[in-house]
Amino acid sequence: MVKLTSGEVFNSHNGHFKHDSLFKKPPGSWVKTSQGNLMLAIHPTMGDFTKLMPRTATVIYPKDLGAILVSGDIFPGAKVLEAGCGSGAVTICLMRAVGETGHVYSYDIREDMVERTTKNVNEMLPEMTNVRLNLEMCLQKIDHDDLDRIVLDLPEPWKVVENAGHSLKLGGILLSFLPTILQVHELSETLKVNPNFSW
């Protein structure tokens, strides 16, 4: 993945070409290298970007991103809260899924994560303004009501269950991405005793 910059040169074993030769050309254009080889210039796909984007944390990869969008039933116009924005892979996918009429409220407690997510969002979706990034914990209070979905990428998501139950609209979905069965068990037990969630 190469970001085009005026005056820069792309070098490879197939030859080089000036970035300027691609300006004003549409995606899908061919460029000839110094060795006469043709290269196809395209915008990175969502999968390309999430695998290659700059990161400050391990990202959730495309196969899991798809499962999150489908299992969470993320739809156009939805109001979604995300806790644990990391490097922004989930944030970007949520933004695209909810579209311009939806909203994504993304929380993280680490300033470097919020900064990295902001940069990656602006790089991949510069025209979209339907996200609000917050540098704070949503464990004590969630400042949004009537949420359609809550997506958690936290090590201890059970600490958010109480607030999530009051912020989700009736029929809303809470989805948590967890790497270990012990975390899944702890979250399951917490949800079972919370009257705001059916189990």
Protein backbone atom coordinates (compact mmCIF):
# COMPACT_ATOMS: atom_id res chain seq x y z
CA MET A 1 0.00 0.00 0.00
CA VAL A 2 1.59 3.25 -1.14
CA LYS A 3 0.32 6.75 -0.40
CA LEU A 4 0.91 8.94 -3.45
CA THR A 5 2.97 12.04 -2.69
CA SER A 6 3.98 14.67 -5.21
CA GLY A 7 7.68 14.45 -6.07
CA GLU A 8 8.10 10.92 -4.67
CA VAL A 9 9.18 7.84 -6.63
CA PHE A 10 7.92 4.26 -6.21
CA ASN A 11 10.71 1.66 -6.49
CA SER A 12 10.40 -2.09 -6.93
CA HIS A 13 12.21 -5.00 -8.60
CA ASN A 14 9.96 -4.30 -11.62
CA GLY A 15 11.30 -0.76 -12.00
CA HIS A 16 10.26 2.63 -10.72
CA PHE A 17 7.77 5.36 -11.58
CA LYS A 18 7.00 8.85 -10.32
CA HIS A 19 3.96 9.25 -8.09
CA ASP A 20 3.09 12.35 -10.15
CA SER A 21 2.40 10.10 -13.14
CA LEU A 22 -0.72 8.81 -11.37
CA PHE A 23 -2.20 12.11 -10.27
CA LYS A 24 -5.41 12.99 -12.13
CA LYS A 25 -5.75 9.38 -13.29
CA PRO A 26 -8.73 7.33 -12.08
CA PRO A 27 -8.34 4.17 -9.96
CA GLY A 28 -7.70 1.20 -12.22
CA SER A 29 -5.18 3.04 -14.37
CA TRP A 30 -2.01 1.35 -15.59
CA VAL A 31 1.41 2.89 -15.15
CA LYS A 32 4.57 1.86 -16.98
CA THR A 33 7.73 1.46 -14.90
CA SER A 34 11.26 2.39 -15.91
CA GLN A 35 11.77 -1.25 -17.01
CA GLY A 36 8.68 -1.21 -19.21
CA ASN A 37 6.54 -3.29 -16.85
CA LEU A 38 2.89 -2.37 -16.32
CA MET A 39 1.46 -1.91 -12.82
CA LEU A 40 -2.20 -1.48 -11.95
CA ALA A 41 -2.99 1.34 -9.52
CA ILE A 42 -6.11 0.80 -7.41
CA HIS A 43 -7.49 2.09 -4.12
CA PRO A 44 -6.91 -0.36 -1.27
CA THR A 45 -9.91 -2.49 -0.39
CA MET A 46 -11.24 -2.51 3.16
CA GLY A 47 -9.42 -5.82 3.68
CA ASP A 48 -6.15 -4.42 2.32
CA PHE A 49 -6.37 -1.35 4.51
CA THR A 50 -7.14 -3.19 7.75
CA LYS A 51 -4.22 -5.59 7.22
CA LEU A 52 -1.70 -2.93 6.20
CA MET A 53 -2.76 0.23 8.06
CA PRO A 54 -0.51 1.77 10.71
CA ARG A 55 -1.44 0.38 14.13
CA THR A 56 -0.82 0.77 17.83
CA ALA A 57 -2.62 -2.45 18.75
CA THR A 58 -3.38 -5.80 17.19
CA VAL A 59 -6.21 -5.32 14.71
CA ILE A 60 -9.26 -7.47 14.18
CA TYR A 61 -8.79 -9.03 10.74
CA PRO A 62 -11.28 -9.13 7.84
CA LYS A 63 -12.71 -12.61 8.55
CA ASP A 64 -13.65 -11.49 12.07
CA LEU A 65 -14.77 -8.03 10.95
CA GLY A 66 -17.30 -9.66 8.65
CA ALA A 67 -18.56 -11.85 11.50
CA ILE A 68 -18.95 -8.79 13.74
CA LEU A 69 -20.98 -6.91 11.12
CA VAL A 70 -23.23 -9.91 10.41
CA SER A 71 -23.63 -11.20 13.98
CA GLY A 72 -24.21 -7.68 15.25
CA ASP A 73 -26.70 -7.05 12.43
CA ILE A 74 -25.13 -3.64 11.78
CA PHE A 75 -27.45 -1.79 9.40
CA PRO A 76 -27.64 1.56 7.56
CA GLY A 77 -28.83 4.31 9.88
CA ALA A 78 -27.91 2.46 13.10
CA LYS A 79 -26.58 4.17 16.21
CA VAL A 80 -23.60 2.07 17.36
CA LEU A 81 -21.33 2.47 20.35
CA GLU A 82 -17.89 0.88 20.11
CA ALA A 83 -15.68 0.49 23.18
CA GLY A 84 -12.01 -0.24 22.55
CA CYS A 85 -11.28 1.45 19.22
CA GLY A 86 -7.68 0.20 19.00
CA SER A 87 -6.27 1.17 15.61
CA GLY A 88 -9.68 1.72 14.03
CA ALA A 89 -10.36 -1.39 11.93
CA VAL A 90 -13.74 -2.04 13.57
CA THR A 91 -14.54 1.69 13.65
CA ILE A 92 -14.02 2.01 9.90
CA CYS A 93 -16.15 -1.06 9.14
CA LEU A 94 -18.92 0.18 11.43
CA MET A 95 -18.87 3.61 9.77
CA ARG A 96 -19.23 2.09 6.33
CA ALA A 97 -22.01 -0.23 7.48
CA VAL A 98 -24.15 2.43 9.20
CA GLY A 99 -23.67 4.86 6.31
CA GLU A 100 -24.12 8.61 6.36
CA THR A 101 -27.42 8.44 8.25
CA GLY A 102 -26.01 6.32 11.08
CA HIS A 103 -23.63 7.20 13.90
CA VAL A 104 -20.65 5.49 15.51
CA TYR A 105 -19.60 6.57 19.00
CA SER A 106 -16.17 5.12 19.70
CA TYR A 107 -14.48 5.04 23.10
CA ASP A 108 -10.98 4.21 24.28
CA ILE A 109 -9.05 5.03 27.44
CA ARG A 110 -5.72 5.42 25.66
CA GLU A 111 -4.91 8.66 23.88
CA ASP A 112 -2.55 6.95 21.41
CA MET A 113 -5.39 4.64 20.32
CA VAL A 114 -7.78 7.52 19.74
CA GLU A 115 -5.10 9.40 17.76
CA ARG A 116 -4.27 6.36 15.61
CA THR A 117 -7.94 5.59 14.97
CA THR A 118 -8.56 9.22 13.99
CA LYS A 119 -5.68 9.12 11.49
CA ASN A 120 -6.76 5.78 10.02
CA VAL A 121 -10.40 6.87 9.72
CA ASN A 122 -9.34 10.09 7.98
CA GLU A 123 -7.09 8.09 5.64
CA MET A 124 -9.68 5.48 4.64
CA LEU A 125 -12.94 7.46 4.86
CA PRO A 126 -12.06 11.15 4.65
CA GLU A 127 -15.53 12.12 3.42
CA MET A 128 -17.46 10.48 6.26
CA THR A 129 -18.28 12.47 9.38
CA ASN A 130 -20.55 10.03 11.19
CA VAL A 131 -18.09 9.07 13.92
CA ARG A 132 -17.33 10.63 17.28
CA LEU A 133 -14.15 9.46 19.01
CA ASN A 134 -13.98 9.81 22.79
CA LEU A 135 -10.96 9.55 25.05
CA GLU A 136 -12.68 8.19 28.14
CA MET A 137 -13.93 5.04 29.77
CA CYS A 138 -17.52 4.06 29.16
CA LEU A 139 -17.54 1.79 32.21
CA GLN A 140 -18.94 4.38 34.61
CA LYS A 141 -21.43 6.00 32.24
CA ILE A 142 -22.52 5.78 28.62
CA ASP A 143 -23.64 9.20 27.42
CA HIS A 144 -25.88 7.88 24.66
CA ASP A 145 -29.44 6.59 24.83
CA ASP A 146 -31.41 4.61 22.32
CA LEU A 147 -28.41 2.79 20.88
CA ASP A 148 -29.15 0.09 18.33
CA ARG A 149 -25.92 -1.82 18.90
CA ILE A 150 -22.96 -1.90 21.28
CA VAL A 151 -19.72 -3.52 20.07
CA LEU A 152 -17.08 -4.24 22.71
CA ASP A 153 -13.42 -5.06 22.18
CA LEU A 154 -12.42 -4.92 25.84
CA PRO A 155 -10.58 -7.36 28.11
CA GLU A 156 -13.33 -7.10 30.77
CA PRO A 157 -16.60 -6.40 28.93
CA TRP A 158 -18.72 -7.57 31.86
CA LYS A 159 -17.89 -4.26 33.55
CA VAL A 160 -19.91 -2.45 30.85
CA VAL A 161 -23.00 -4.68 30.99
CA GLU A 162 -24.93 -2.59 33.56
CA ASN A 163 -24.54 0.66 31.62
CA ALA A 164 -25.08 -1.07 28.28
CA GLY A 165 -28.41 -2.42 29.46
CA HIS A 166 -29.68 1.09 30.11
CA SER A 167 -28.31 2.56 26.87
CA LEU A 168 -29.50 -0.03 24.35
CA LYS A 169 -32.97 0.36 22.93
CA LEU A 170 -35.38 -2.53 23.36
CA GLY A 171 -34.26 -5.27 20.98
CA GLY A 172 -30.75 -3.81 20.67
CA ILE A 173 -27.73 -6.09 20.41
CA LEU A 174 -24.63 -6.23 22.61
CA LEU A 175 -21.70 -7.89 20.84
CA SER A 176 -18.33 -8.59 22.43
CA PHE A 177 -15.20 -9.81 20.65
CA LEU A 178 -13.28 -12.06 23.06
CA PRO A 179 -10.18 -14.21 22.51
CA THR A 180 -10.52 -16.61 25.48
CA ILE A 181 -13.26 -18.91 26.75
CA LEU A 182 -12.73 -17.65 30.31
CA GLN A 183 -13.70 -14.15 29.19
CA VAL A 184 -16.73 -15.55 27.34
CA HIS A 185 -17.79 -17.42 30.49
CA GLU A 186 -17.45 -14.34 32.72
CA LEU A 187 -19.47 -12.21 30.31
CA SER A 188 -22.13 -14.91 29.95
CA GLU A 189 -22.55 -15.20 33.71
CA THR A 190 -22.88 -11.43 34.05
CA LEU A 191 -25.49 -11.23 31.29
CA LYS A 192 -27.53 -14.07 32.83
CA VAL A 193 -28.17 -12.14 36.04
CA ASN A 194 -28.84 -8.77 34.39
CA PRO A 195 -32.59 -8.20 33.84
CA ASN A 196 -31.94 -5.94 30.83
CA PHE A 197 -30.68 -8.86 28.73
CA SER A 198 -32.54 -11.97 27.67
CA TRP A 199 -30.55 -15.15 27.86
